[in-house]
Protein backbone atom coordinates (compact mmCIF):
# COMPACT_ATOMS: atom_id res chain seq x y z
CA MET A 1 -14.57 -6.76 -44.08
CA GLU A 2 -11.43 -6.39 -41.95
CA SER A 3 -8.04 -6.56 -43.64
CA CYS A 4 -4.39 -6.89 -42.70
CA ALA A 5 -2.83 -3.52 -41.84
CA ALA A 6 0.36 -4.46 -43.70
CA CYS A 7 -0.59 -6.32 -46.88
CA GLY A 8 -4.29 -5.45 -47.11
CA LYS A 9 -5.51 -9.03 -47.43
CA GLY A 10 -8.77 -9.94 -45.73
CA GLY A 11 -9.85 -13.10 -43.97
CA SER A 12 -11.31 -14.56 -40.83
CA SER A 13 -7.96 -15.65 -39.36
CA LEU A 14 -6.56 -12.16 -38.76
CA LYS A 15 -5.02 -11.54 -35.35
CA SER A 16 -5.12 -8.22 -33.49
CA CYS A 17 -2.05 -6.43 -32.17
CA LYS A 18 -1.84 -7.75 -28.61
CA ALA A 19 -0.69 -4.42 -27.20
CA CYS A 20 -3.20 -1.92 -28.58
CA GLN A 21 -5.91 -4.01 -30.33
CA LEU A 22 -6.17 -1.26 -32.97
CA VAL A 23 -5.03 -3.16 -36.06
CA LYS A 24 -4.96 -6.73 -37.32
CA TYR A 25 -2.43 -8.83 -39.21
CA CYS A 26 -2.52 -12.05 -41.15
CA GLY A 27 0.72 -13.25 -39.62
CA ARG A 28 3.93 -12.51 -37.78
CA GLU A 29 5.77 -11.41 -40.92
CA CYS A 30 3.19 -8.72 -41.72
CA GLN A 31 3.28 -7.46 -38.13
CA ILE A 32 7.08 -7.09 -38.22
CA ALA A 33 6.96 -5.34 -41.60
CA HIS A 34 4.35 -2.86 -40.35
CA ARG A 35 6.00 -2.23 -37.00
CA SER A 36 7.86 0.98 -37.87
CA GLU A 37 4.67 2.56 -39.21
CA HIS A 38 2.43 1.36 -36.37
CA LYS A 39 4.81 1.81 -33.41
CA LYS A 40 3.90 5.43 -32.57
CA ALA A 41 0.13 4.88 -32.63
CA CYS A 42 0.53 1.63 -30.70
CA ARG A 43 2.48 3.27 -27.90
CA LYS A 44 -0.01 6.12 -27.66
CA ARG A 45 -2.94 3.72 -27.40
CA CYS A 46 -1.13 1.55 -24.84
CA ALA A 47 -0.54 4.63 -22.69
CA GLU A 48 -4.25 5.52 -22.93
CA LEU A 49 -5.30 2.00 -21.94
CA PHE A 50 -2.87 1.99 -19.02
CA ASP A 51 -4.16 5.36 -17.77
CA ASN A 52 -7.72 4.04 -17.95
CA ARG A 53 -6.76 1.14 -15.69
CA LEU A 54 -4.60 3.27 -13.39
CA PHE A 55 -7.18 5.99 -12.75
CA ALA A 56 -10.23 3.76 -12.52
CA GLN A 57 -11.98 3.99 -9.15
CA PRO A 58 -11.14 0.72 -7.35
CA PRO A 59 -13.97 -1.50 -6.10
CA ALA A 60 -15.21 -0.88 -2.57
CA ARG A 61 -13.06 -2.56 0.07
CA ASP A 62 -14.99 -5.41 1.67
CA GLU A 63 -12.44 -7.04 4.00
CA GLU A 64 -13.85 -6.89 7.52
CA CYS A 65 -12.42 -7.32 10.99
CA PRO A 66 -13.67 -10.78 12.05
CA ILE A 67 -14.42 -9.53 15.58
CA CYS A 68 -16.23 -6.18 15.21
CA MET A 69 -17.34 -6.91 11.61
CA LEU A 70 -16.42 -3.37 10.50
CA ILE A 71 -14.36 -2.74 7.37
CA LEU A 72 -10.63 -3.07 8.07
CA PRO A 73 -8.59 0.17 7.98
CA PHE A 74 -6.29 0.62 4.98
CA ASN A 75 -3.38 1.69 7.20
CA GLU A 76 -1.25 -1.29 8.27
CA GLY A 77 -0.49 0.48 11.55
CA GLU A 78 -4.18 0.13 12.47
CA ILE A 79 -4.30 -3.62 11.73
CA CYS A 80 -2.87 -6.54 13.71
CA PHE A 81 -2.09 -9.85 12.02
CA ILE A 82 -2.77 -12.90 14.23
CA ALA A 83 -0.16 -15.36 12.96
CA CYS A 84 -1.52 -18.51 14.60
CA CYS A 85 -4.84 -18.31 12.74
CA GLY A 86 -3.79 -16.15 9.79
CA LYS A 87 -6.42 -13.51 10.53
CA SER A 88 -6.17 -9.71 10.50
CA ILE A 89 -8.09 -7.72 13.10
CA CYS A 90 -8.34 -3.99 13.70
CA MET A 91 -6.20 -2.43 16.43
CA GLY A 92 -9.37 -1.39 18.24
CA CYS A 93 -10.26 -5.03 18.86
CA PHE A 94 -6.63 -6.02 19.52
CA ILE A 95 -6.06 -3.37 22.20
CA CYS A 96 -9.36 -4.27 23.89
CA MET A 97 -8.32 -7.92 24.21
CA GLU A 98 -8.20 -8.84 27.90
CA SER A 99 -5.17 -11.13 27.55
CA ASP A 100 -2.35 -12.12 25.18
CA ARG A 101 -4.40 -15.10 24.03
CA CYS A 102 -5.66 -15.37 20.47
CA PRO A 103 -9.44 -14.78 20.42
CA PHE A 104 -9.83 -17.58 17.87
CA CYS A 105 -7.61 -20.45 19.04
CA ASN A 106 -6.41 -19.27 22.50
CA ALA A 107 -2.71 -19.41 21.50
CA ASN A 108 -0.27 -17.04 23.21
CA VAL A 109 0.18 -14.13 20.75
CA GLY A 110 2.53 -12.22 23.04
CA ASN A 111 5.35 -14.78 22.87
CA HIS A 112 8.05 -13.90 20.31
CA ALA A 113 9.20 -17.50 19.83
CA ASP A 114 5.64 -18.67 19.15
CA LEU A 115 5.02 -15.72 16.82
CA ASP A 116 8.17 -16.46 14.82
CA CYS A 117 7.30 -20.15 14.57
CA LYS A 118 3.72 -19.49 13.47
CA LEU A 119 4.69 -16.86 10.88
CA LYS A 120 7.32 -19.08 9.29
CA GLU A 121 4.95 -22.06 9.37
CA ARG A 122 2.25 -20.12 7.52
CA ILE A 123 4.81 -18.94 4.97
CA GLU A 124 6.35 -22.36 4.34
CA LYS A 125 3.17 -24.43 4.37
CA HIS A 126 0.54 -22.05 3.03
CA ASN A 127 2.45 -19.34 1.10
CA ASP A 128 0.54 -16.85 3.25
CA LEU A 129 0.97 -13.40 1.66
CA VAL A 130 -0.02 -11.49 4.80
CA ALA A 131 2.43 -13.52 6.90
CA MET A 132 5.24 -12.78 4.41
CA ASN A 133 4.48 -9.08 4.42
CA SER A 134 4.18 -8.95 8.23
CA LEU A 135 7.47 -10.77 8.76
CA GLY A 136 9.11 -8.49 6.20
CA SER A 137 7.89 -5.43 8.08
CA TYR A 138 9.22 -6.86 11.36
CA TYR A 139 12.65 -7.26 9.78
CA MET A 140 12.51 -3.85 8.07
CA ASP A 141 11.68 -1.94 11.27
CA GLY A 142 13.18 -4.25 13.90
CA LYS A 143 9.82 -4.77 15.61
CA GLY A 144 8.42 -7.75 17.47
CA GLY A 145 11.84 -8.79 18.77
CA TYR A 146 13.30 -9.24 15.27
CA PRO A 147 16.68 -7.80 14.25
CA VAL A 148 16.80 -5.00 11.67
CA ASP A 149 17.50 -6.71 8.34
CA PRO A 150 16.26 -4.68 5.33
CA THR A 151 17.72 -7.16 2.82
CA LYS A 152 15.73 -10.04 4.29
CA ALA A 153 12.65 -7.82 4.44
CA VAL A 154 12.93 -6.99 0.73
CA GLU A 155 13.25 -10.70 -0.11
CA LEU A 156 9.98 -11.38 1.71
CA TYR A 157 8.27 -8.38 0.09
CA ARG A 158 9.39 -9.52 -3.37
CA ARG A 159 8.22 -13.08 -2.80
CA ALA A 160 4.81 -11.89 -1.58
CA SER A 161 4.46 -9.40 -4.45
CA GLU A 162 5.17 -12.11 -7.02
CA LEU A 163 2.25 -14.05 -5.52
CA GLY A 164 -0.05 -11.03 -5.74
CA GLY A 165 0.39 -9.39 -2.33
CA VAL A 166 -0.93 -5.82 -2.62
CA HIS A 167 0.71 -4.55 0.59
CA ALA A 168 3.97 -6.22 -0.40
CA HIS A 169 4.01 -4.22 -3.65
CA ARG A 170 3.64 -1.02 -1.64
CA ASN A 171 6.40 -1.93 0.82
CA LEU A 172 8.67 -2.97 -2.03
CA ALA A 173 7.99 0.38 -3.71
CA ARG A 174 8.95 2.19 -0.52
CA ALA A 175 12.19 0.19 -0.30
CA TYR A 176 13.08 1.10 -3.91
CA LEU A 177 12.22 4.74 -3.31
CA VAL A 178 14.56 5.20 -0.33
CA GLY A 179 17.12 2.53 -1.29
CA ARG A 180 16.72 0.49 1.88
CA GLY A 181 17.65 -3.17 1.53
CA ILE A 182 17.89 -2.71 -2.22
CA GLU A 183 19.41 -0.29 -4.73
CA MET A 184 17.43 2.95 -5.07
CA ASP A 185 15.31 2.98 -8.23
CA LYS A 186 12.50 5.54 -8.55
CA LYS A 187 11.08 3.99 -11.74
CA LYS A 188 10.68 0.60 -10.07
CA ALA A 189 9.19 2.30 -7.01
CA ILE A 190 6.55 3.99 -9.18
CA HIS A 191 5.91 0.69 -11.00
CA HIS A 192 5.12 -1.15 -7.75
CA TYR A 193 3.07 1.76 -6.43
CA GLN A 194 1.02 1.64 -9.64
CA ILE A 195 0.42 -2.09 -9.34
CA SER A 196 -0.74 -1.86 -5.71
CA SER A 197 -2.87 1.21 -6.52
CA MET A 198 -4.69 -0.65 -9.29
CA MET A 199 -5.23 -3.47 -6.79
CA GLY A 200 -6.97 -1.00 -4.48
CA ASP A 201 -4.24 0.06 -2.03
CA VAL A 202 -5.10 3.55 -0.74
CA LEU A 203 -1.68 4.43 0.69
CA SER A 204 0.03 3.61 -2.62
CA ARG A 205 -2.49 5.81 -4.40
CA TYR A 206 -1.64 8.72 -2.10
CA CYS A 207 2.10 8.17 -2.62
CA LEU A 208 1.64 8.19 -6.40
CA GLY A 209 -0.11 11.55 -6.09
CA ALA A 210 2.78 12.87 -4.01
CA LEU A 211 5.36 11.70 -6.56
CA GLU A 212 3.38 13.25 -9.42
CA GLY A 213 3.09 16.49 -7.46
CA GLN A 214 6.84 16.56 -6.82
CA SER A 215 7.37 16.21 -10.57
CA GLY A 216 5.05 19.13 -11.27
CA ASN A 217 2.24 16.98 -12.71
CA ILE A 218 -0.60 18.55 -10.73
CA GLY A 219 -3.42 17.10 -12.86
CA PRO A 220 -2.49 13.41 -12.38
CA ALA A 221 -1.60 14.12 -8.74
CA LEU A 222 -5.08 15.45 -8.00
CA ARG A 223 -6.67 12.50 -9.79
CA HIS A 224 -4.74 10.11 -7.53
CA TRP A 225 -5.61 12.12 -4.43
CA MET A 226 -9.30 12.22 -5.29
CA ILE A 227 -9.38 8.42 -5.59
CA ALA A 228 -7.51 8.05 -2.27
CA ALA A 229 -9.78 10.59 -0.54
CA LYS A 230 -12.89 8.76 -1.75
CA CYS A 231 -11.48 5.65 -0.06
CA GLY A 232 -11.11 7.48 3.27
CA HIS A 233 -7.56 8.93 3.20
CA ASP A 234 -7.56 12.12 5.30
CA ASP A 235 -4.33 13.66 3.96
CA ALA A 236 -5.50 13.06 0.39
CA LEU A 237 -8.71 14.92 1.22
CA GLU A 238 -6.67 17.91 2.39
CA LYS A 239 -4.83 17.91 -0.93
CA VAL A 240 -8.15 17.81 -2.77
CA LYS A 241 -9.41 20.76 -0.71
CA GLN A 242 -6.28 22.74 -1.64
CA GLY A 243 -6.78 21.87 -5.31
CA TYR A 244 -10.41 23.02 -5.19
CA SER A 245 -9.49 26.30 -3.47
CA MET A 246 -6.98 26.94 -6.28
CA GLY A 247 -9.65 26.37 -8.93
CA LEU A 248 -8.10 23.12 -10.21
CA LEU A 249 -11.18 20.97 -9.52
CA THR A 250 -14.83 21.33 -10.40
CA LYS A 251 -17.47 21.70 -7.72
CA ASP A 252 -19.05 18.36 -8.68
CA ASP A 253 -15.74 16.49 -8.33
CA PHE A 254 -15.06 18.12 -4.98
CA GLU A 255 -18.51 17.40 -3.57
CA SER A 256 -18.50 13.77 -4.73
CA THR A 257 -15.11 13.30 -3.07
CA LEU A 258 -16.40 14.74 0.20
CA ARG A 259 -19.45 12.47 0.15
CA CYS A 260 -17.44 9.31 -0.53
CA HIS A 261 -14.88 10.20 2.15
CA LYS A 262 -17.58 10.73 4.77
CA ALA A 263 -19.31 7.49 3.80
CA TYR A 264 -16.09 5.55 4.35
CA GLN A 265 -15.37 7.27 7.67
CA ASP A 266 -18.89 6.49 8.92
CA GLU A 267 -18.56 2.87 7.86
CA ALA A 268 -15.18 2.30 9.53
CA LYS A 269 -15.66 4.38 12.70
CA SER A 270 -16.04 2.88 16.18
CA GLU A 271 -15.28 3.89 19.78
CA LYS A 272 -12.73 1.09 20.15
CA ARG A 273 -10.81 2.26 17.08
CA ASP A 274 -10.84 5.87 18.28
CA LYS A 275 -9.44 4.67 21.62
CA ALA A 276 -6.77 2.64 19.83
CA LYS A 277 -5.68 5.67 17.80
CA ILE A 278 -5.20 7.69 21.00
CA ILE A 279 -3.17 4.90 22.61
CA LEU A 280 -1.03 4.38 19.50
CA ALA A 281 -0.40 8.13 19.19
CA ARG A 282 0.69 8.20 22.83
CA MET A 283 3.03 5.25 22.29
CA THR A 284 4.52 6.89 19.18
CA ARG A 285 5.08 10.12 21.08
CA LYS A 286 6.85 8.25 23.89
CA CYS A 287 9.09 6.46 21.37
CA ASP A 288 10.02 9.80 19.79
CA GLU A 289 10.80 11.22 23.22
CA MET A 290 12.94 8.20 24.01
CA LYS A 291 14.93 8.74 20.82
CA GLN A 292 15.52 12.39 21.72
CA ILE A 293 16.57 11.45 25.24
CA GLN A 294 19.00 8.86 23.86
CA ILE A 295 20.48 11.46 21.50
CA HIS A 296 21.04 13.88 24.39
CA ALA A 297 22.50 11.08 26.50
CA ASP A 298 25.03 10.20 23.80
CA THR A 299 26.03 13.80 23.12
CA ALA A 300 25.60 15.93 26.22
CA GLN A 301 25.85 13.19 28.87
CA GLU A 302 23.23 14.83 31.05
CA PRO A 303 23.32 13.42 34.61
CA ASN A 304 19.55 12.91 34.89
CA THR A 305 19.00 11.52 31.40
CA ARG A 306 19.04 7.86 32.44
CA LYS A 307 16.49 8.55 35.16
CA LYS A 308 14.26 10.37 32.66
CA ALA A 309 14.44 7.44 30.26
CA ALA A 310 13.62 4.92 32.99
CA LYS A 311 10.67 7.00 34.14
CA LEU A 312 9.37 7.36 30.58
CA ILE A 313 9.54 3.63 29.95
CA SER A 314 7.53 2.93 33.09
CA LEU A 315 4.63 5.22 31.99
């Protein structure tokens, strides 16, 4: 028969310690009296339970692009949010669209005023988490015709995270980590990365591995990277390969990671998405070149710089 950990009395009305579930008490007074003796074991067990949740393999991602019906990429840069209908489609399908019209309701998705109105409408009327996160990213990076406003972006991220937005937790973690729009706080950054990782966010999982690696905790770092690699993260797979070559992983762990990574890649692969990656890489390269040209124009005042910039924009 179970008994109170403090006074030793038995009974059917004993209540377990809510934190660790290891011991039981007959009341609040007994729990307070036993706290100093139980605190160390309680904290140890809580840490074990948290690690079990943190390093559990997340369930398979099942969110699909509503057009091509393939699993959506985990990278936000490879997803486009259609504000008018509140749907997310892969960039492969978005780039292959023949016009700026929404494929679901025929609204003009290329108009900034309409986009702003639709995003704010979905946020105010429906508490749309994806809309909040998308609008926050627009303000954080100054994209889509929005001004750069990190403080406003963080407000949107926080609101979405409080409602359970997994991507918002990751973006809020990134803001805390670099101190953009909010005071830098590494502990809070790790906390939000952990929450989004346990919710299945692959990029947060990779970032947690990187932070653990920077702190010299190679074991936890590799555990995070293995989980991310199994969900299709290429850079995480490279880290796992390095760990295996250094003898830090078993052959079974390495082979299972390779199999899961390939399975994800096969499931998410398509010609349209490969084409979109090439186009996006080209656009990113042009933006980087534009930044370099602008730097030279501001410093060296080269006579042909303006012409180079105009030509680059027209490509």
